[in-house]
């Protein structure tokens, strides 16, 4: 049941809209695109493979059954993660007998359990993302790089940046938005 990598945000949003219209292909693409991440999260919450798989299956079954009533969402990924968390919480609080807690003797059911491998993999991903971000920032025009530096490396507010660079507030805000857009595209 190994599924594909996560969908890019824009693609997920368009698939969500198609799902809301009853498109089965879009539904399948959302399922395949988010299964792995959602399963990993559910697994950490409920700590059992079968329960995590069932939780994800039930979530997607529910999405399909009520596709016409699904809300517009700003972030499909966030919506799905919140849904998984809520379902896991209900599972752990409403039906505790379904889970074999003896496997985790002495552990609180609401905590995550991390392995050293989790931290190593997360660290590697984080380093790769940081390197890509630095490379992308360095391709921005000088003024945008300066604004990014002041905002995120010196923790100045937009107003403080505007004052420091003798710009108006809206110009700085617009410049930050342009920088974000450019960085997202890369």
C-alpha atoms as a PDB file:
ATOM      1  CA  UNK A   1       0.000   0.000   0.000  1.00  0.00           C
ATOM      2  CA  UNK A   2       3.038   2.246  -0.424  1.00  0.00           C
ATOM      3  CA  UNK A   3       1.890   5.524  -1.936  1.00  0.00           C
ATOM      4  CA  UNK A   4       3.446   8.379  -3.912  1.00  0.00           C
ATOM      5  CA  UNK A   5       5.143  11.490  -2.603  1.00  0.00           C
ATOM      6  CA  UNK A   6       3.042  14.426  -1.418  1.00  0.00           C
ATOM      7  CA  UNK A   7       1.309  16.642  -3.935  1.00  0.00           C
ATOM      8  CA  UNK A   8       2.518  20.216  -4.401  1.00  0.00           C
ATOM      9  CA  UNK A   9       0.138  22.706  -2.738  1.00  0.00           C
ATOM     10  CA  UNK A  10      -1.355  24.124  -5.933  1.00  0.00           C
ATOM     11  CA  UNK A  11      -1.988  20.683  -7.365  1.00  0.00           C
ATOM     12  CA  UNK A  12      -3.549  19.531  -4.098  1.00  0.00           C
ATOM     13  CA  UNK A  13      -5.850  22.551  -4.065  1.00  0.00           C
ATOM     14  CA  UNK A  14      -7.038  21.895  -7.619  1.00  0.00           C
ATOM     15  CA  UNK A  15      -7.570  18.187  -6.824  1.00  0.00           C
ATOM     16  CA  UNK A  16      -9.526  19.195  -3.717  1.00  0.00           C
ATOM     17  CA  UNK A  17     -11.860  21.321  -5.801  1.00  0.00           C
ATOM     18  CA  UNK A  18     -12.342  18.447  -8.248  1.00  0.00           C
ATOM     19  CA  UNK A  19     -13.010  16.076  -5.342  1.00  0.00           C
ATOM     20  CA  UNK A  20     -15.690  18.450  -4.079  1.00  0.00           C
ATOM     21  CA  UNK A  21     -17.316  18.048  -7.512  1.00  0.00           C
ATOM     22  CA  UNK A  22     -17.188  14.242  -7.277  1.00  0.00           C
ATOM     23  CA  UNK A  23     -14.152  13.551  -9.445  1.00  0.00           C
ATOM     24  CA  UNK A  24     -12.875  10.043  -8.624  1.00  0.00           C
ATOM     25  CA  UNK A  25      -9.504  10.553 -10.326  1.00  0.00           C
ATOM     26  CA  UNK A  26      -8.796  13.633  -8.190  1.00  0.00           C
ATOM     27  CA  UNK A  27      -9.844  11.681  -5.106  1.00  0.00           C
ATOM     28  CA  UNK A  28      -7.342   8.934  -5.973  1.00  0.00           C
ATOM     29  CA  UNK A  29      -4.594  11.469  -6.588  1.00  0.00           C
ATOM     30  CA  UNK A  30      -5.205  13.098  -3.192  1.00  0.00           C
ATOM     31  CA  UNK A  31      -5.177   9.696  -1.529  1.00  0.00           C
ATOM     32  CA  UNK A  32      -1.937   8.617  -3.198  1.00  0.00           C
ATOM     33  CA  UNK A  33      -0.342  12.024  -2.739  1.00  0.00           C
ATOM     34  CA  UNK A  34      -0.974  12.311   1.003  1.00  0.00           C
ATOM     35  CA  UNK A  35      -1.199   8.717   2.218  1.00  0.00           C
ATOM     36  CA  UNK A  36       2.423   8.311   3.297  1.00  0.00           C
ATOM     37  CA  UNK A  37       2.599  11.546   5.289  1.00  0.00           C
ATOM     38  CA  UNK A  38      -0.815  11.038   6.885  1.00  0.00           C
ATOM     39  CA  UNK A  39      -0.025   7.435   7.753  1.00  0.00           C
ATOM     40  CA  UNK A  40       3.256   8.479   9.391  1.00  0.00           C
ATOM     41  CA  UNK A  41       1.444  11.066  11.467  1.00  0.00           C
ATOM     42  CA  UNK A  42      -1.401   8.702  12.398  1.00  0.00           C
ATOM     43  CA  UNK A  43       1.124   6.003  13.309  1.00  0.00           C
ATOM     44  CA  UNK A  44       2.814   8.354  15.736  1.00  0.00           C
ATOM     45  CA  UNK A  45      -0.512   9.256  17.308  1.00  0.00           C
ATOM     46  CA  UNK A  46      -2.091   5.802  17.670  1.00  0.00           C
ATOM     47  CA  UNK A  47       1.137   3.756  17.638  1.00  0.00           C
ATOM     48  CA  UNK A  48      -0.273   0.783  15.809  1.00  0.00           C
ATOM     49  CA  UNK A  49       0.110   0.102  12.109  1.00  0.00           C
ATOM     50  CA  UNK A  50      -3.346  -1.390  11.604  1.00  0.00           C
ATOM     51  CA  UNK A  51      -5.086   1.375  13.529  1.00  0.00           C
ATOM     52  CA  UNK A  52      -3.166   4.034  11.605  1.00  0.00           C
ATOM     53  CA  UNK A  53      -4.073   2.431   8.262  1.00  0.00           C
ATOM     54  CA  UNK A  54      -7.711   2.108   9.294  1.00  0.00           C
ATOM     55  CA  UNK A  55      -7.797   5.714  10.423  1.00  0.00           C
ATOM     56  CA  UNK A  56      -6.515   6.934   7.043  1.00  0.00           C
ATOM     57  CA  UNK A  57      -8.911   4.639   5.160  1.00  0.00           C
ATOM     58  CA  UNK A  58     -11.848   5.899   7.211  1.00  0.00           C
ATOM     59  CA  UNK A  59     -10.795   9.505   6.686  1.00  0.00           C
ATOM     60  CA  UNK A  60     -10.715   9.131   2.911  1.00  0.00           C
ATOM     61  CA  UNK A  61     -13.923   7.117   2.878  1.00  0.00           C
ATOM     62  CA  UNK A  62     -15.572   9.941   4.805  1.00  0.00           C
ATOM     63  CA  UNK A  63     -14.151  12.522   2.394  1.00  0.00           C
ATOM     64  CA  UNK A  64     -15.605  10.649  -0.558  1.00  0.00           C
ATOM     65  CA  UNK A  65     -18.978  10.067   1.076  1.00  0.00           C
ATOM     66  CA  UNK A  66     -19.406  13.739   1.906  1.00  0.00           C
ATOM     67  CA  UNK A  67     -17.457  15.266  -0.994  1.00  0.00           C
ATOM     68  CA  UNK A  68     -20.305  17.613  -1.899  1.00  0.00           C
ATOM     69  CA  UNK A  69     -20.300  19.081   1.626  1.00  0.00           C
ATOM     70  CA  UNK A  70     -16.530  19.519   1.920  1.00  0.00           C
ATOM     71  CA  UNK A  71     -15.468  23.082   2.684  1.00  0.00           C
ATOM     72  CA  UNK A  72     -13.151  25.252   0.659  1.00  0.00           C
ATOM     73  CA  UNK A  73      -9.806  25.088   2.398  1.00  0.00           C
ATOM     74  CA  UNK A  74      -6.733  27.303   2.384  1.00  0.00           C
ATOM     75  CA  UNK A  75      -4.433  24.284   2.737  1.00  0.00           C
ATOM     76  CA  UNK A  76      -5.478  20.763   1.824  1.00  0.00           C
ATOM     77  CA  UNK A  77      -2.510  19.328   3.698  1.00  0.00           C
ATOM     78  CA  UNK A  78      -3.372  21.208   6.882  1.00  0.00           C
ATOM     79  CA  UNK A  79      -7.018  20.155   6.614  1.00  0.00           C
ATOM     80  CA  UNK A  80      -6.041  16.497   6.241  1.00  0.00           C
ATOM     81  CA  UNK A  81      -3.568  16.602   9.130  1.00  0.00           C
ATOM     82  CA  UNK A  82      -6.130  18.232  11.418  1.00  0.00           C
ATOM     83  CA  UNK A  83      -8.641  15.567  10.365  1.00  0.00           C
ATOM     84  CA  UNK A  84      -6.176  12.785  11.182  1.00  0.00           C
ATOM     85  CA  UNK A  85      -5.404  14.317  14.560  1.00  0.00           C
ATOM     86  CA  UNK A  86      -9.092  14.638  15.442  1.00  0.00           C
ATOM     87  CA  UNK A  87      -9.830  11.076  14.370  1.00  0.00           C
ATOM     88  CA  UNK A  88      -6.863   9.763  16.342  1.00  0.00           C
ATOM     89  CA  UNK A  89      -7.976  11.692  19.392  1.00  0.00           C
ATOM     90  CA  UNK A  90     -11.502  10.269  19.109  1.00  0.00           C
ATOM     91  CA  UNK A  91     -10.090   6.783  18.657  1.00  0.00           C
ATOM     92  CA  UNK A  92      -7.857   7.057  21.707  1.00  0.00           C
ATOM     93  CA  UNK A  93     -10.469   8.649  23.959  1.00  0.00           C
ATOM     94  CA  UNK A  94     -13.696   6.973  22.833  1.00  0.00           C
ATOM     95  CA  UNK A  95     -12.567   3.436  22.091  1.00  0.00           C
ATOM     96  CA  UNK A  96      -9.447   2.748  24.144  1.00  0.00           C
ATOM     97  CA  UNK A  97     -10.111  -1.007  24.218  1.00  0.00           C
ATOM     98  CA  UNK A  98      -9.416  -1.211  20.495  1.00  0.00           C
ATOM     99  CA  UNK A  99      -5.768  -0.343  21.091  1.00  0.00           C
ATOM    100  CA  UNK A 100      -3.363  -2.675  22.855  1.00  0.00           C
ATOM    101  CA  UNK A 101      -1.740  -0.272  25.284  1.00  0.00           C
ATOM    102  CA  UNK A 102       0.319  -3.042  26.861  1.00  0.00           C
ATOM    103  CA  UNK A 103       2.721  -2.683  23.935  1.00  0.00           C
ATOM    104  CA  UNK A 104       3.786   0.679  25.352  1.00  0.00           C
ATOM    105  CA  UNK A 105       3.878  -0.119  29.008  1.00  0.00           C
ATOM    106  CA  UNK A 106       4.277   3.007  31.073  1.00  0.00           C
ATOM    107  CA  UNK A 107       3.972   5.394  28.136  1.00  0.00           C
ATOM    108  CA  UNK A 108       1.338   8.093  27.883  1.00  0.00           C
ATOM    109  CA  UNK A 109      -0.940   7.465  24.897  1.00  0.00           C
ATOM    110  CA  UNK A 110      -0.865  11.118  23.871  1.00  0.00           C
ATOM    111  CA  UNK A 111       2.865  11.481  23.294  1.00  0.00           C
ATOM    112  CA  UNK A 112       4.993  10.920  20.234  1.00  0.00           C
ATOM    113  CA  UNK A 113       7.786   8.385  20.299  1.00  0.00           C
ATOM    114  CA  UNK A 114      10.758   9.303  18.147  1.00  0.00           C
ATOM    115  CA  UNK A 115      13.638   7.155  17.097  1.00  0.00           C
ATOM    116  CA  UNK A 116      17.161   8.334  16.367  1.00  0.00           C
ATOM    117  CA  UNK A 117      16.483   7.596  12.691  1.00  0.00           C
ATOM    118  CA  UNK A 118      13.577  10.066  12.722  1.00  0.00           C
ATOM    119  CA  UNK A 119      15.878  12.825  13.875  1.00  0.00           C
ATOM    120  CA  UNK A 120      18.593  11.920  11.391  1.00  0.00           C
ATOM    121  CA  UNK A 121      16.142  11.865   8.479  1.00  0.00           C
ATOM    122  CA  UNK A 122      14.516  15.108   9.602  1.00  0.00           C
ATOM    123  CA  UNK A 123      17.943  16.708   9.987  1.00  0.00           C
ATOM    124  CA  UNK A 124      18.981  15.657   6.492  1.00  0.00           C
ATOM    125  CA  UNK A 125      15.754  16.993   4.987  1.00  0.00           C
ATOM    126  CA  UNK A 126      16.105  20.215   6.951  1.00  0.00           C
ATOM    127  CA  UNK A 127      19.681  20.718   5.760  1.00  0.00           C
ATOM    128  CA  UNK A 128      18.679  20.128   2.141  1.00  0.00           C
ATOM    129  CA  UNK A 129      15.815  22.607   2.450  1.00  0.00           C
ATOM    130  CA  UNK A 130      18.085  25.189   4.101  1.00  0.00           C
ATOM    131  CA  UNK A 131      20.679  24.837   1.344  1.00  0.00           C
ATOM    132  CA  UNK A 132      18.003  25.253  -1.338  1.00  0.00           C
ATOM    133  CA  UNK A 133      16.549  28.261   0.493  1.00  0.00           C
ATOM    134  CA  UNK A 134      19.928  29.987   0.780  1.00  0.00           C
ATOM    135  CA  UNK A 135      20.601  29.343  -2.886  1.00  0.00           C
ATOM    136  CA  UNK A 136      17.180  30.749  -3.816  1.00  0.00           C
ATOM    137  CA  UNK A 137      17.582  33.813  -1.587  1.00  0.00           C
ATOM    138  CA  UNK A 138      20.906  34.566  -3.237  1.00  0.00           C
ATOM    139  CA  UNK A 139      19.187  34.745  -6.634  1.00  0.00           C
ATOM    140  CA  UNK A 140      16.864  37.531  -5.430  1.00  0.00           C
ATOM    141  CA  UNK A 141      17.613  41.156  -6.312  1.00  0.00           C
ATOM    142  CA  UNK A 142      19.819  43.019  -3.830  1.00  0.00           C
ATOM    143  CA  UNK A 143      16.957  45.027  -2.266  1.00  0.00           C
ATOM    144  CA  UNK A 144      14.844  41.936  -1.653  1.00  0.00           C
ATOM    145  CA  UNK A 145      17.817  40.111  -0.118  1.00  0.00           C
ATOM    146  CA  UNK A 146      18.364  43.069   2.194  1.00  0.00           C
ATOM    147  CA  UNK A 147      14.722  43.108   3.259  1.00  0.00           C
ATOM    148  CA  UNK A 148      14.786  39.322   3.879  1.00  0.00           C
ATOM    149  CA  UNK A 149      17.965  39.749   5.912  1.00  0.00           C
ATOM    150  CA  UNK A 150      16.495  42.493   8.066  1.00  0.00           C
ATOM    151  CA  UNK A 151      13.196  40.666   8.552  1.00  0.00           C
ATOM    152  CA  UNK A 152      14.438  37.172   9.335  1.00  0.00           C
ATOM    153  CA  UNK A 153      18.034  37.488  10.396  1.00  0.00           C
ATOM    154  CA  UNK A 154      17.686  40.700  12.400  1.00  0.00           C
ATOM    155  CA  UNK A 155      14.020  40.129  13.366  1.00  0.00           C
ATOM    156  CA  UNK A 156      12.922  43.647  12.420  1.00  0.00           C
ATOM    157  CA  UNK A 157       9.239  44.375  11.886  1.00  0.00           C
ATOM    158  CA  UNK A 158       7.995  45.613   8.533  1.00  0.00           C
ATOM    159  CA  UNK A 159       7.680  49.107  10.024  1.00  0.00           C
ATOM    160  CA  UNK A 160      11.240  49.009  11.330  1.00  0.00           C
ATOM    161  CA  UNK A 161      12.538  47.858   7.944  1.00  0.00           C
ATOM    162  CA  UNK A 162      10.621  50.650   6.214  1.00  0.00           C
ATOM    163  CA  UNK A 163      12.179  53.170   8.557  1.00  0.00           C
ATOM    164  CA  UNK A 164      15.698  51.729   8.194  1.00  0.00           C
ATOM    165  CA  UNK A 165      15.526  51.730   4.376  1.00  0.00           C
ATOM    166  CA  UNK A 166      13.570  54.981   4.040  1.00  0.00           C
ATOM    167  CA  UNK A 167      10.687  53.200   2.343  1.00  0.00           C
ATOM    168  CA  UNK A 168       6.998  53.243   3.110  1.00  0.00           C
ATOM    169  CA  UNK A 169       5.429  50.340   4.969  1.00  0.00           C
ATOM    170  CA  UNK A 170       3.456  49.068   1.978  1.00  0.00           C
ATOM    171  CA  UNK A 171       6.548  48.976  -0.243  1.00  0.00           C
ATOM    172  CA  UNK A 172       8.317  46.732   2.258  1.00  0.00           C
ATOM    173  CA  UNK A 173       5.240  44.505   2.623  1.00  0.00           C
ATOM    174  CA  UNK A 174       4.929  44.235  -1.163  1.00  0.00           C
ATOM    175  CA  UNK A 175       8.636  43.461  -1.492  1.00  0.00           C
ATOM    176  CA  UNK A 176       8.357  40.668   1.060  1.00  0.00           C
ATOM    177  CA  UNK A 177       5.400  39.217  -0.831  1.00  0.00           C
ATOM    178  CA  UNK A 178       7.390  39.337  -4.090  1.00  0.00           C
ATOM    179  CA  UNK A 179      10.294  37.603  -2.353  1.00  0.00           C
ATOM    180  CA  UNK A 180       7.999  34.904  -0.943  1.00  0.00           C
ATOM    181  CA  UNK A 181       6.401  34.330  -4.326  1.00  0.00           C
ATOM    182  CA  UNK A 182       9.790  34.061  -5.988  1.00  0.00           C
ATOM    183  CA  UNK A 183      11.096  31.660  -3.341  1.00  0.00           C
ATOM    184  CA  UNK A 184       7.991  29.472  -3.563  1.00  0.00           C
ATOM    185  CA  UNK A 185       8.379  29.242  -7.335  1.00  0.00           C
ATOM    186  CA  UNK A 186      11.935  27.984  -6.944  1.00  0.00           C
END
